[in-house]
N, C-alpha and C. Protein backbone atom coordinates (compact mmCIF):
# COMPACT_ATOMS: atom_id res chain seq x y z
N MET A 1 -40.43 101.24 -5.93
CA MET A 1 -39.13 100.64 -5.74
C MET A 1 -38.90 100.43 -4.25
N THR A 2 -38.24 99.35 -3.92
CA THR A 2 -38.04 99.00 -2.52
C THR A 2 -37.08 99.95 -1.81
N LEU A 3 -36.13 100.52 -2.53
CA LEU A 3 -35.21 101.49 -1.93
C LEU A 3 -35.41 102.85 -2.62
N PRO A 4 -36.32 103.68 -2.11
CA PRO A 4 -36.65 104.93 -2.80
C PRO A 4 -35.49 105.91 -2.89
N ASN A 5 -34.50 105.81 -2.02
CA ASN A 5 -33.37 106.74 -2.04
C ASN A 5 -32.21 106.26 -2.90
N TRP A 6 -32.34 105.08 -3.50
CA TRP A 6 -31.27 104.56 -4.34
C TRP A 6 -31.18 105.38 -5.61
N ASN A 7 -29.98 105.73 -6.01
CA ASN A 7 -29.80 106.58 -7.18
C ASN A 7 -28.87 105.88 -8.17
N VAL A 8 -29.40 105.56 -9.33
CA VAL A 8 -28.60 104.87 -10.34
C VAL A 8 -27.39 105.69 -10.75
N GLU A 9 -27.49 107.01 -10.64
CA GLU A 9 -26.37 107.89 -11.02
C GLU A 9 -25.11 107.57 -10.20
N ASP A 10 -25.30 107.05 -8.99
CA ASP A 10 -24.15 106.69 -8.16
C ASP A 10 -23.37 105.51 -8.72
N TYR A 11 -23.97 104.80 -9.66
CA TYR A 11 -23.36 103.58 -10.18
C TYR A 11 -23.03 103.67 -11.67
N LEU A 12 -23.11 104.85 -12.23
CA LEU A 12 -22.81 104.99 -13.65
C LEU A 12 -21.30 105.05 -13.87
N PHE A 13 -20.88 104.43 -14.94
CA PHE A 13 -19.50 104.54 -15.36
C PHE A 13 -19.48 104.43 -16.88
N GLU A 14 -18.50 105.05 -17.48
CA GLU A 14 -18.44 105.05 -18.93
C GLU A 14 -16.99 104.90 -19.37
N PHE A 15 -16.81 104.10 -20.39
CA PHE A 15 -15.49 103.88 -20.96
C PHE A 15 -15.58 104.07 -22.46
N GLU A 16 -14.45 104.29 -23.06
CA GLU A 16 -14.41 104.33 -24.52
C GLU A 16 -14.87 102.98 -25.05
N PRO A 17 -15.54 102.95 -26.18
CA PRO A 17 -15.95 101.65 -26.76
C PRO A 17 -14.73 100.75 -26.96
N ILE A 18 -14.87 99.52 -26.58
CA ILE A 18 -13.77 98.56 -26.68
C ILE A 18 -13.94 97.74 -27.95
N GLN A 19 -12.95 97.79 -28.78
CA GLN A 19 -12.93 96.96 -29.98
C GLN A 19 -12.12 95.71 -29.64
N TYR A 20 -12.77 94.58 -29.67
CA TYR A 20 -12.08 93.34 -29.33
C TYR A 20 -12.51 92.27 -30.32
N THR A 21 -11.52 91.58 -30.89
CA THR A 21 -11.85 90.56 -31.90
C THR A 21 -11.26 89.20 -31.58
N GLY A 22 -10.62 89.07 -30.45
CA GLY A 22 -10.00 87.79 -30.09
C GLY A 22 -10.99 86.81 -29.50
N ARG A 23 -10.42 85.78 -28.87
CA ARG A 23 -11.27 84.78 -28.21
C ARG A 23 -12.03 85.45 -27.07
N LEU A 24 -13.29 85.08 -26.93
CA LEU A 24 -14.15 85.68 -25.91
C LEU A 24 -13.57 85.51 -24.51
N VAL A 25 -12.98 84.36 -24.23
CA VAL A 25 -12.44 84.11 -22.88
C VAL A 25 -11.22 84.98 -22.57
N ASP A 26 -10.56 85.51 -23.60
CA ASP A 26 -9.39 86.35 -23.40
C ASP A 26 -9.73 87.84 -23.38
N ALA A 27 -10.99 88.18 -23.53
CA ALA A 27 -11.42 89.58 -23.57
C ALA A 27 -11.19 90.23 -22.21
N PRO A 28 -11.00 91.56 -22.21
CA PRO A 28 -10.86 92.26 -20.93
C PRO A 28 -12.16 92.21 -20.12
N LEU A 29 -12.03 92.35 -18.81
CA LEU A 29 -13.18 92.27 -17.91
C LEU A 29 -14.29 93.25 -18.31
N ILE A 30 -13.93 94.47 -18.66
CA ILE A 30 -14.95 95.47 -19.00
C ILE A 30 -15.76 95.04 -20.22
N PHE A 31 -15.13 94.35 -21.15
CA PHE A 31 -15.83 93.83 -22.33
C PHE A 31 -16.82 92.74 -21.91
N LYS A 32 -16.36 91.85 -21.05
CA LYS A 32 -17.21 90.74 -20.60
C LYS A 32 -18.40 91.25 -19.78
N THR A 33 -18.14 92.16 -18.85
CA THR A 33 -19.25 92.69 -18.05
C THR A 33 -20.22 93.46 -18.94
N GLY A 34 -19.70 94.12 -19.96
CA GLY A 34 -20.57 94.82 -20.91
C GLY A 34 -21.46 93.86 -21.67
N LYS A 35 -20.94 92.70 -22.01
CA LYS A 35 -21.75 91.68 -22.70
C LYS A 35 -22.87 91.19 -21.79
N VAL A 36 -22.55 90.93 -20.53
CA VAL A 36 -23.56 90.46 -19.58
C VAL A 36 -24.62 91.55 -19.37
N LEU A 37 -24.17 92.78 -19.16
CA LEU A 37 -25.09 93.90 -18.97
C LEU A 37 -26.01 94.06 -20.18
N GLY A 38 -25.42 94.07 -21.36
CA GLY A 38 -26.22 94.24 -22.58
C GLY A 38 -27.23 93.13 -22.76
N PHE A 39 -26.80 91.90 -22.52
CA PHE A 39 -27.70 90.75 -22.66
C PHE A 39 -28.87 90.87 -21.70
N LEU A 40 -28.59 91.13 -20.43
CA LEU A 40 -29.67 91.23 -19.45
C LEU A 40 -30.55 92.45 -19.70
N HIS A 41 -29.93 93.60 -19.89
CA HIS A 41 -30.70 94.84 -20.04
C HIS A 41 -31.52 94.85 -21.33
N ASP A 42 -30.88 94.52 -22.44
CA ASP A 42 -31.55 94.65 -23.74
C ASP A 42 -32.51 93.52 -24.05
N SER A 43 -32.22 92.33 -23.58
CA SER A 43 -33.06 91.18 -23.93
C SER A 43 -33.92 90.68 -22.78
N ILE A 44 -33.31 90.32 -21.69
CA ILE A 44 -34.02 89.59 -20.64
C ILE A 44 -34.93 90.50 -19.82
N PHE A 45 -34.40 91.59 -19.30
CA PHE A 45 -35.27 92.49 -18.52
C PHE A 45 -36.39 93.06 -19.38
N SER A 46 -36.08 93.43 -20.62
CA SER A 46 -37.14 93.99 -21.47
C SER A 46 -38.23 92.95 -21.72
N ASP A 47 -37.85 91.69 -21.92
CA ASP A 47 -38.86 90.64 -22.10
C ASP A 47 -39.68 90.41 -20.83
N ALA A 48 -39.03 90.46 -19.68
CA ALA A 48 -39.74 90.26 -18.41
C ALA A 48 -40.76 91.37 -18.19
N PHE A 49 -40.38 92.62 -18.45
CA PHE A 49 -41.32 93.72 -18.27
C PHE A 49 -42.43 93.69 -19.32
N LYS A 50 -42.12 93.24 -20.54
CA LYS A 50 -43.18 93.08 -21.56
C LYS A 50 -44.18 92.02 -21.11
N ALA A 51 -43.68 90.93 -20.57
CA ALA A 51 -44.57 89.86 -20.09
C ALA A 51 -45.46 90.39 -18.97
N LEU A 52 -44.89 91.14 -18.07
CA LEU A 52 -45.66 91.70 -16.96
C LEU A 52 -46.74 92.65 -17.48
N LYS A 53 -46.36 93.48 -18.44
CA LYS A 53 -47.30 94.47 -18.99
C LYS A 53 -48.48 93.82 -19.69
N CYS A 54 -48.26 92.68 -20.34
CA CYS A 54 -49.36 92.05 -21.08
C CYS A 54 -50.09 90.98 -20.26
N GLY A 55 -49.84 90.95 -18.95
CA GLY A 55 -50.61 90.07 -18.08
C GLY A 55 -50.03 88.69 -17.85
N ALA A 56 -48.81 88.45 -18.31
CA ALA A 56 -48.17 87.14 -18.11
C ALA A 56 -47.29 87.22 -16.86
N GLU A 57 -47.95 87.41 -15.70
CA GLU A 57 -47.22 87.65 -14.46
C GLU A 57 -46.29 86.51 -14.07
N LEU A 58 -46.77 85.28 -14.18
CA LEU A 58 -45.91 84.16 -13.77
C LEU A 58 -44.70 84.02 -14.69
N SER A 59 -44.88 84.30 -15.98
CA SER A 59 -43.73 84.27 -16.90
C SER A 59 -42.71 85.32 -16.48
N ALA A 60 -43.18 86.52 -16.14
CA ALA A 60 -42.28 87.59 -15.71
C ALA A 60 -41.56 87.19 -14.42
N LEU A 61 -42.28 86.58 -13.50
CA LEU A 61 -41.66 86.17 -12.23
C LEU A 61 -40.63 85.07 -12.46
N LEU A 62 -40.95 84.11 -13.31
CA LEU A 62 -39.98 83.05 -13.62
C LEU A 62 -38.73 83.62 -14.27
N MET A 63 -38.91 84.61 -15.15
CA MET A 63 -37.74 85.27 -15.75
C MET A 63 -36.92 85.97 -14.67
N GLY A 64 -37.60 86.59 -13.71
CA GLY A 64 -36.89 87.25 -12.62
C GLY A 64 -36.04 86.27 -11.83
N PHE A 65 -36.61 85.10 -11.52
CA PHE A 65 -35.84 84.09 -10.80
C PHE A 65 -34.67 83.59 -11.65
N SER A 66 -34.88 83.47 -12.95
CA SER A 66 -33.79 83.06 -13.85
C SER A 66 -32.67 84.09 -13.87
N ILE A 67 -33.03 85.36 -13.83
CA ILE A 67 -32.03 86.43 -13.78
C ILE A 67 -31.15 86.27 -12.54
N ILE A 68 -31.79 86.01 -11.40
CA ILE A 68 -31.02 85.85 -10.16
C ILE A 68 -30.12 84.62 -10.24
N GLU A 69 -30.63 83.52 -10.77
CA GLU A 69 -29.81 82.31 -10.94
C GLU A 69 -28.61 82.62 -11.84
N TYR A 70 -28.85 83.33 -12.92
CA TYR A 70 -27.80 83.70 -13.88
C TYR A 70 -26.72 84.54 -13.18
N LEU A 71 -27.14 85.60 -12.49
CA LEU A 71 -26.18 86.46 -11.80
C LEU A 71 -25.49 85.74 -10.65
N ALA A 72 -26.21 84.89 -9.95
CA ALA A 72 -25.62 84.14 -8.83
C ALA A 72 -24.53 83.21 -9.33
N GLY A 73 -24.66 82.70 -10.54
CA GLY A 73 -23.61 81.86 -11.12
C GLY A 73 -22.31 82.62 -11.29
N TYR A 74 -22.40 83.88 -11.72
CA TYR A 74 -21.21 84.72 -11.82
C TYR A 74 -20.69 85.09 -10.44
N TYR A 75 -21.59 85.39 -9.55
CA TYR A 75 -21.23 85.82 -8.19
C TYR A 75 -20.46 84.72 -7.45
N THR A 76 -20.91 83.47 -7.61
CA THR A 76 -20.27 82.35 -6.90
C THR A 76 -19.20 81.65 -7.73
N GLY A 77 -19.24 81.82 -9.05
CA GLY A 77 -18.28 81.16 -9.92
C GLY A 77 -18.56 79.69 -10.13
N ARG A 78 -19.78 79.27 -9.86
CA ARG A 78 -20.12 77.85 -10.02
C ARG A 78 -21.61 77.72 -10.35
N ARG A 79 -21.97 76.51 -10.63
CA ARG A 79 -23.38 76.20 -10.88
C ARG A 79 -24.19 76.59 -9.64
N THR A 80 -25.31 77.27 -9.85
CA THR A 80 -26.01 77.79 -8.68
C THR A 80 -26.85 76.74 -7.99
N LYS A 81 -26.88 76.92 -6.69
CA LYS A 81 -27.72 76.13 -5.79
C LYS A 81 -28.40 77.16 -4.89
N SER A 82 -29.14 76.68 -3.93
CA SER A 82 -29.86 77.61 -3.06
C SER A 82 -28.92 78.60 -2.38
N ASP A 83 -27.74 78.15 -1.94
CA ASP A 83 -26.84 79.06 -1.22
C ASP A 83 -26.33 80.19 -2.11
N GLY A 84 -26.11 79.93 -3.39
CA GLY A 84 -25.68 80.98 -4.31
C GLY A 84 -26.78 82.00 -4.56
N PHE A 85 -27.98 81.50 -4.80
CA PHE A 85 -29.15 82.36 -5.01
C PHE A 85 -29.35 83.26 -3.79
N ILE A 86 -29.33 82.65 -2.62
CA ILE A 86 -29.55 83.39 -1.37
C ILE A 86 -28.41 84.36 -1.08
N SER A 87 -27.17 83.94 -1.30
CA SER A 87 -26.05 84.84 -1.00
C SER A 87 -26.03 86.04 -1.94
N PHE A 88 -26.42 85.85 -3.21
CA PHE A 88 -26.48 87.00 -4.13
C PHE A 88 -27.55 87.99 -3.68
N ILE A 89 -28.72 87.48 -3.33
CA ILE A 89 -29.79 88.37 -2.87
C ILE A 89 -29.38 89.07 -1.58
N ASN A 90 -28.77 88.35 -0.66
CA ASN A 90 -28.33 88.98 0.59
C ASN A 90 -27.28 90.06 0.35
N ALA A 91 -26.46 89.89 -0.67
CA ALA A 91 -25.40 90.87 -0.96
C ALA A 91 -25.92 92.11 -1.67
N TYR A 92 -26.91 91.96 -2.56
CA TYR A 92 -27.26 93.08 -3.44
C TYR A 92 -28.72 93.53 -3.40
N PHE A 93 -29.55 92.86 -2.66
CA PHE A 93 -30.96 93.27 -2.58
C PHE A 93 -31.20 94.05 -1.30
N PRO A 94 -32.29 94.81 -1.25
CA PRO A 94 -32.62 95.53 -0.02
C PRO A 94 -32.80 94.57 1.16
N GLU A 95 -32.52 95.07 2.34
CA GLU A 95 -32.56 94.26 3.56
C GLU A 95 -33.91 93.59 3.80
N VAL A 96 -34.99 94.19 3.31
CA VAL A 96 -36.33 93.65 3.55
C VAL A 96 -36.47 92.21 3.05
N TYR A 97 -35.66 91.82 2.07
CA TYR A 97 -35.71 90.46 1.53
C TYR A 97 -35.20 89.43 2.53
N SER A 98 -34.27 89.83 3.40
CA SER A 98 -33.61 88.85 4.27
C SER A 98 -34.59 88.13 5.20
N LYS A 99 -35.64 88.81 5.60
CA LYS A 99 -36.63 88.20 6.51
C LYS A 99 -37.35 87.02 5.85
N PHE A 100 -37.48 87.06 4.53
CA PHE A 100 -38.24 86.04 3.80
C PHE A 100 -37.39 85.23 2.82
N ILE A 101 -36.06 85.41 2.86
CA ILE A 101 -35.21 84.87 1.80
C ILE A 101 -35.33 83.36 1.62
N ASP A 102 -35.37 82.61 2.70
CA ASP A 102 -35.48 81.15 2.55
C ASP A 102 -36.79 80.76 1.88
N ASP A 103 -37.87 81.44 2.24
CA ASP A 103 -39.16 81.14 1.63
C ASP A 103 -39.27 81.67 0.21
N ILE A 104 -38.61 82.78 -0.08
CA ILE A 104 -38.60 83.24 -1.48
C ILE A 104 -37.94 82.17 -2.34
N TYR A 105 -36.86 81.59 -1.84
CA TYR A 105 -36.20 80.54 -2.61
C TYR A 105 -37.02 79.25 -2.62
N GLU A 106 -37.33 78.72 -1.44
CA GLU A 106 -37.97 77.40 -1.35
C GLU A 106 -39.42 77.40 -1.85
N GLN A 107 -40.19 78.42 -1.44
CA GLN A 107 -41.61 78.42 -1.79
C GLN A 107 -41.86 79.01 -3.18
N LEU A 108 -41.38 80.24 -3.40
CA LEU A 108 -41.67 80.89 -4.68
C LEU A 108 -40.82 80.33 -5.81
N ARG A 109 -39.52 80.43 -5.68
CA ARG A 109 -38.65 79.99 -6.78
C ARG A 109 -38.81 78.50 -7.03
N CYS A 110 -38.58 77.66 -6.02
CA CYS A 110 -38.67 76.21 -6.22
C CYS A 110 -40.11 75.75 -6.41
N GLY A 111 -41.04 76.38 -5.69
CA GLY A 111 -42.44 76.03 -5.86
C GLY A 111 -42.89 76.24 -7.29
N LEU A 112 -42.56 77.39 -7.87
CA LEU A 112 -42.97 77.67 -9.26
C LEU A 112 -42.19 76.85 -10.28
N VAL A 113 -40.88 76.84 -10.14
CA VAL A 113 -40.04 76.17 -11.15
C VAL A 113 -40.27 74.66 -11.18
N HIS A 114 -40.37 74.05 -10.01
CA HIS A 114 -40.45 72.59 -9.96
C HIS A 114 -41.86 72.03 -9.82
N ASN A 115 -42.79 72.85 -9.31
CA ASN A 115 -44.12 72.32 -9.00
C ASN A 115 -45.28 73.16 -9.53
N LEU A 116 -44.97 74.26 -10.23
CA LEU A 116 -46.01 75.17 -10.73
C LEU A 116 -46.99 75.57 -9.64
N SER A 117 -46.43 75.88 -8.49
CA SER A 117 -47.23 76.24 -7.33
C SER A 117 -46.51 77.33 -6.55
N LEU A 118 -47.28 78.17 -5.86
CA LEU A 118 -46.67 79.20 -5.02
C LEU A 118 -46.22 78.65 -3.68
N GLN A 119 -46.47 77.38 -3.47
CA GLN A 119 -45.98 76.70 -2.27
C GLN A 119 -45.26 75.43 -2.70
N ASN A 120 -44.15 75.19 -2.08
CA ASN A 120 -43.39 73.98 -2.36
C ASN A 120 -44.03 72.84 -1.55
N PRO A 121 -44.58 71.83 -2.22
CA PRO A 121 -45.25 70.76 -1.49
C PRO A 121 -44.30 69.93 -0.62
N TRP A 122 -43.01 70.02 -0.89
CA TRP A 122 -42.03 69.22 -0.16
C TRP A 122 -41.40 69.96 1.01
N LYS A 123 -41.62 71.25 1.12
CA LYS A 123 -41.02 72.05 2.19
C LYS A 123 -42.08 72.98 2.78
N PRO A 124 -42.79 72.54 3.79
CA PRO A 124 -43.81 73.39 4.40
C PRO A 124 -43.21 74.68 4.98
N SER A 125 -44.02 75.72 5.00
CA SER A 125 -43.58 77.00 5.54
C SER A 125 -44.75 77.71 6.19
N GLU A 126 -44.43 78.52 7.18
CA GLU A 126 -45.47 79.33 7.80
C GLU A 126 -45.83 80.52 6.92
N ASN A 127 -44.91 80.98 6.09
CA ASN A 127 -45.18 82.13 5.22
C ASN A 127 -45.86 81.68 3.94
N LYS A 128 -46.98 82.29 3.66
CA LYS A 128 -47.69 82.07 2.40
C LYS A 128 -47.64 83.39 1.64
N PHE A 129 -47.44 83.29 0.34
CA PHE A 129 -47.29 84.49 -0.48
C PHE A 129 -48.54 84.80 -1.29
N LYS A 130 -48.73 86.07 -1.52
CA LYS A 130 -49.77 86.58 -2.42
C LYS A 130 -49.03 87.34 -3.51
N ILE A 131 -49.11 86.84 -4.73
CA ILE A 131 -48.39 87.46 -5.85
C ILE A 131 -49.24 88.59 -6.43
N GLU A 132 -48.63 89.75 -6.59
CA GLU A 132 -49.30 90.89 -7.21
C GLU A 132 -48.40 91.45 -8.30
N THR A 133 -49.03 92.01 -9.31
CA THR A 133 -48.27 92.60 -10.41
C THR A 133 -47.42 93.76 -9.93
N ASN A 134 -48.04 94.69 -9.22
CA ASN A 134 -47.33 95.88 -8.75
C ASN A 134 -48.02 96.37 -7.48
N SER A 135 -47.36 96.24 -6.36
CA SER A 135 -47.95 96.63 -5.09
C SER A 135 -46.93 97.37 -4.23
N LYS A 136 -47.37 98.45 -3.63
CA LYS A 136 -46.50 99.19 -2.70
C LYS A 136 -46.29 98.41 -1.40
N SER A 137 -47.03 97.33 -1.23
CA SER A 137 -46.92 96.51 -0.01
C SER A 137 -45.95 95.35 -0.19
N HIS A 138 -45.03 95.47 -1.14
CA HIS A 138 -44.07 94.41 -1.42
C HIS A 138 -43.37 93.95 -0.14
N LEU A 139 -43.43 92.64 0.11
CA LEU A 139 -42.81 91.98 1.26
C LEU A 139 -43.35 92.47 2.60
N LYS A 140 -44.61 92.85 2.60
CA LYS A 140 -45.32 93.18 3.84
C LYS A 140 -46.46 92.19 4.00
N LYS A 141 -46.81 91.91 5.24
CA LYS A 141 -47.91 90.97 5.49
C LYS A 141 -49.24 91.70 5.43
N GLU A 142 -50.17 91.08 4.72
CA GLU A 142 -51.55 91.56 4.64
C GLU A 142 -52.45 90.35 4.80
N ASN A 143 -53.29 90.36 5.83
CA ASN A 143 -54.20 89.24 6.07
C ASN A 143 -53.46 87.90 6.11
N SER A 144 -52.39 87.84 6.82
CA SER A 144 -51.54 86.67 7.03
C SER A 144 -50.80 86.18 5.77
N LEU A 145 -50.85 86.95 4.68
CA LEU A 145 -50.11 86.61 3.47
C LEU A 145 -49.00 87.64 3.23
N VAL A 146 -47.86 87.18 2.74
CA VAL A 146 -46.77 88.08 2.39
C VAL A 146 -46.98 88.52 0.94
N VAL A 147 -47.12 89.82 0.73
CA VAL A 147 -47.31 90.35 -0.62
C VAL A 147 -45.97 90.32 -1.35
N PHE A 148 -45.98 89.77 -2.55
CA PHE A 148 -44.77 89.73 -3.38
C PHE A 148 -45.11 90.42 -4.70
N SER A 149 -44.56 91.62 -4.88
CA SER A 149 -44.82 92.42 -6.07
C SER A 149 -43.79 92.07 -7.15
N ILE A 150 -44.27 91.53 -8.26
CA ILE A 150 -43.37 91.12 -9.34
C ILE A 150 -42.61 92.32 -9.88
N TYR A 151 -43.31 93.44 -10.07
CA TYR A 151 -42.65 94.64 -10.59
C TYR A 151 -41.49 95.06 -9.67
N HIS A 152 -41.73 95.10 -8.38
CA HIS A 152 -40.68 95.50 -7.45
C HIS A 152 -39.52 94.50 -7.44
N PHE A 153 -39.85 93.22 -7.54
CA PHE A 153 -38.80 92.20 -7.58
C PHE A 153 -37.93 92.38 -8.83
N LEU A 154 -38.55 92.64 -9.98
CA LEU A 154 -37.77 92.86 -11.20
C LEU A 154 -36.91 94.12 -11.09
N GLU A 155 -37.48 95.18 -10.54
CA GLU A 155 -36.69 96.41 -10.36
C GLU A 155 -35.53 96.19 -9.39
N ASP A 156 -35.80 95.47 -8.31
CA ASP A 156 -34.72 95.17 -7.36
C ASP A 156 -33.66 94.28 -8.00
N SER A 157 -34.07 93.39 -8.89
CA SER A 157 -33.13 92.53 -9.62
C SER A 157 -32.26 93.36 -10.55
N ARG A 158 -32.89 94.31 -11.23
CA ARG A 158 -32.13 95.18 -12.14
C ARG A 158 -31.13 96.02 -11.34
N ARG A 159 -31.56 96.55 -10.23
CA ARG A 159 -30.65 97.35 -9.41
C ARG A 159 -29.49 96.48 -8.89
N ALA A 160 -29.80 95.25 -8.48
CA ALA A 160 -28.76 94.34 -7.99
C ALA A 160 -27.73 94.07 -9.09
N MET A 161 -28.20 93.90 -10.33
CA MET A 161 -27.29 93.69 -11.45
C MET A 161 -26.35 94.88 -11.60
N VAL A 162 -26.90 96.09 -11.56
CA VAL A 162 -26.10 97.30 -11.72
C VAL A 162 -25.05 97.40 -10.61
N MET A 163 -25.46 97.15 -9.38
CA MET A 163 -24.53 97.25 -8.25
C MET A 163 -23.43 96.19 -8.33
N TYR A 164 -23.81 94.98 -8.71
CA TYR A 164 -22.83 93.89 -8.82
C TYR A 164 -21.80 94.19 -9.91
N LEU A 165 -22.26 94.59 -11.09
CA LEU A 165 -21.33 94.88 -12.18
C LEU A 165 -20.45 96.09 -11.84
N TYR A 166 -21.00 97.06 -11.14
CA TYR A 166 -20.22 98.20 -10.68
C TYR A 166 -19.09 97.73 -9.76
N ASP A 167 -19.42 96.84 -8.84
CA ASP A 167 -18.39 96.31 -7.93
C ASP A 167 -17.26 95.62 -8.70
N LEU A 168 -17.61 94.92 -9.77
CA LEU A 168 -16.59 94.23 -10.55
C LEU A 168 -15.68 95.20 -11.30
N VAL A 169 -16.27 96.23 -11.88
CA VAL A 169 -15.52 97.13 -12.76
C VAL A 169 -14.87 98.29 -12.01
N MET A 170 -15.59 98.88 -11.09
CA MET A 170 -15.10 100.10 -10.44
C MET A 170 -14.43 99.87 -9.09
N LYS A 171 -14.57 98.68 -8.54
CA LYS A 171 -13.96 98.37 -7.24
C LYS A 171 -13.13 97.09 -7.35
N LYS A 172 -12.31 97.04 -8.39
CA LYS A 172 -11.53 95.83 -8.68
C LYS A 172 -10.67 95.39 -7.51
N SER A 173 -9.94 96.32 -6.91
CA SER A 173 -8.98 95.93 -5.87
C SER A 173 -9.68 95.32 -4.65
N GLU A 174 -10.90 95.74 -4.38
CA GLU A 174 -11.64 95.21 -3.22
C GLU A 174 -12.35 93.89 -3.54
N ASN A 175 -12.47 93.57 -4.80
CA ASN A 175 -13.34 92.46 -5.20
C ASN A 175 -12.63 91.42 -6.07
N GLN A 176 -11.39 91.12 -5.75
CA GLN A 176 -10.64 90.15 -6.56
C GLN A 176 -11.29 88.77 -6.58
N ASP A 177 -11.85 88.34 -5.46
CA ASP A 177 -12.53 87.03 -5.45
C ASP A 177 -13.78 87.05 -6.32
N LEU A 178 -14.53 88.15 -6.27
CA LEU A 178 -15.72 88.28 -7.13
C LEU A 178 -15.32 88.25 -8.60
N ILE A 179 -14.22 88.90 -8.92
CA ILE A 179 -13.75 88.92 -10.31
C ILE A 179 -13.33 87.52 -10.74
N LYS A 180 -12.61 86.80 -9.89
CA LYS A 180 -12.23 85.41 -10.22
C LYS A 180 -13.47 84.56 -10.47
N ASN A 181 -14.48 84.71 -9.62
CA ASN A 181 -15.72 83.95 -9.79
C ASN A 181 -16.42 84.32 -11.10
N PHE A 182 -16.47 85.63 -11.39
CA PHE A 182 -17.09 86.09 -12.63
C PHE A 182 -16.38 85.48 -13.84
N GLU A 183 -15.05 85.57 -13.84
CA GLU A 183 -14.26 85.04 -14.96
C GLU A 183 -14.47 83.53 -15.10
N LYS A 184 -14.49 82.84 -13.98
CA LYS A 184 -14.67 81.38 -13.99
C LYS A 184 -15.99 81.02 -14.67
N ARG A 185 -17.06 81.72 -14.30
CA ARG A 185 -18.37 81.45 -14.91
C ARG A 185 -18.42 81.91 -16.36
N PHE A 186 -17.92 83.10 -16.64
CA PHE A 186 -17.99 83.63 -18.00
C PHE A 186 -17.24 82.73 -18.98
N ASN A 187 -16.10 82.21 -18.56
CA ASN A 187 -15.23 81.46 -19.45
C ASN A 187 -15.64 80.00 -19.66
N ARG A 188 -16.69 79.56 -18.98
CA ARG A 188 -17.17 78.18 -19.18
C ARG A 188 -17.50 77.98 -20.65
N GLN A 189 -17.11 76.85 -21.17
CA GLN A 189 -17.37 76.46 -22.56
C GLN A 189 -17.00 77.59 -23.54
N GLU A 190 -15.81 78.14 -23.31
CA GLU A 190 -15.25 79.19 -24.18
C GLU A 190 -16.10 80.46 -24.22
N GLY A 191 -16.91 80.68 -23.20
CA GLY A 191 -17.69 81.91 -23.10
C GLY A 191 -19.01 81.90 -23.84
N VAL A 192 -19.28 80.85 -24.60
CA VAL A 192 -20.51 80.87 -25.41
C VAL A 192 -21.77 80.67 -24.59
N THR A 193 -21.65 80.22 -23.35
CA THR A 193 -22.85 80.04 -22.52
C THR A 193 -23.16 81.28 -21.68
N SER A 194 -22.40 82.35 -21.90
CA SER A 194 -22.60 83.55 -21.10
C SER A 194 -23.69 84.46 -21.63
N ILE A 195 -23.88 84.45 -22.91
CA ILE A 195 -24.91 85.31 -23.50
C ILE A 195 -25.64 84.54 -24.60
N MET A 196 -26.84 84.98 -24.87
CA MET A 196 -27.65 84.35 -25.90
C MET A 196 -28.01 85.44 -26.90
N ILE A 197 -27.83 85.16 -28.15
CA ILE A 197 -28.16 86.13 -29.19
C ILE A 197 -29.58 85.85 -29.66
N LYS A 198 -30.43 86.86 -29.53
CA LYS A 198 -31.81 86.72 -30.02
C LYS A 198 -31.84 87.11 -31.49
N SER A 199 -32.59 86.34 -32.26
CA SER A 199 -32.69 86.70 -33.68
C SER A 199 -34.09 87.13 -34.02
């Protein structure tokens, strides 16, 4: 893990189960954040780690980038662009990402999503990445390549999700703008685009 001293226990919170049967957009914030948490934790992260375990590294990495896009949409309250992706990572990821953040977005995320390449052919960069399943050298240079550990990126994404949702629920008074953005994104199309039910 990129932050070895980070303790999930610092971010735990528990509430009585909420029974809610009204319109999804009218649900209390804790219900909505619980839906997002459950969707990501139970479905998306578990699928990403399964993909990584069975050797589908690029699938796992693409899911990781999708997770950040998804969370950045809530964080900014709008359709995500590079600035939303980058601002979410800068807010909730370890500092080590900031040195490479533009290239993580332009080269890795856009390179893979739009060009099936670890380099974006339209945006040259001095940083070249070496993708590894699990490496303790995450975001360190080795032989002029920046090591990018998919496992560490997924773990950092999961931690960022926990910290972000904690800020929404447990630090409401400090984060009114974040809450407005979350509600704006969650309530799009009556809330049905916020979670996907797997069958």
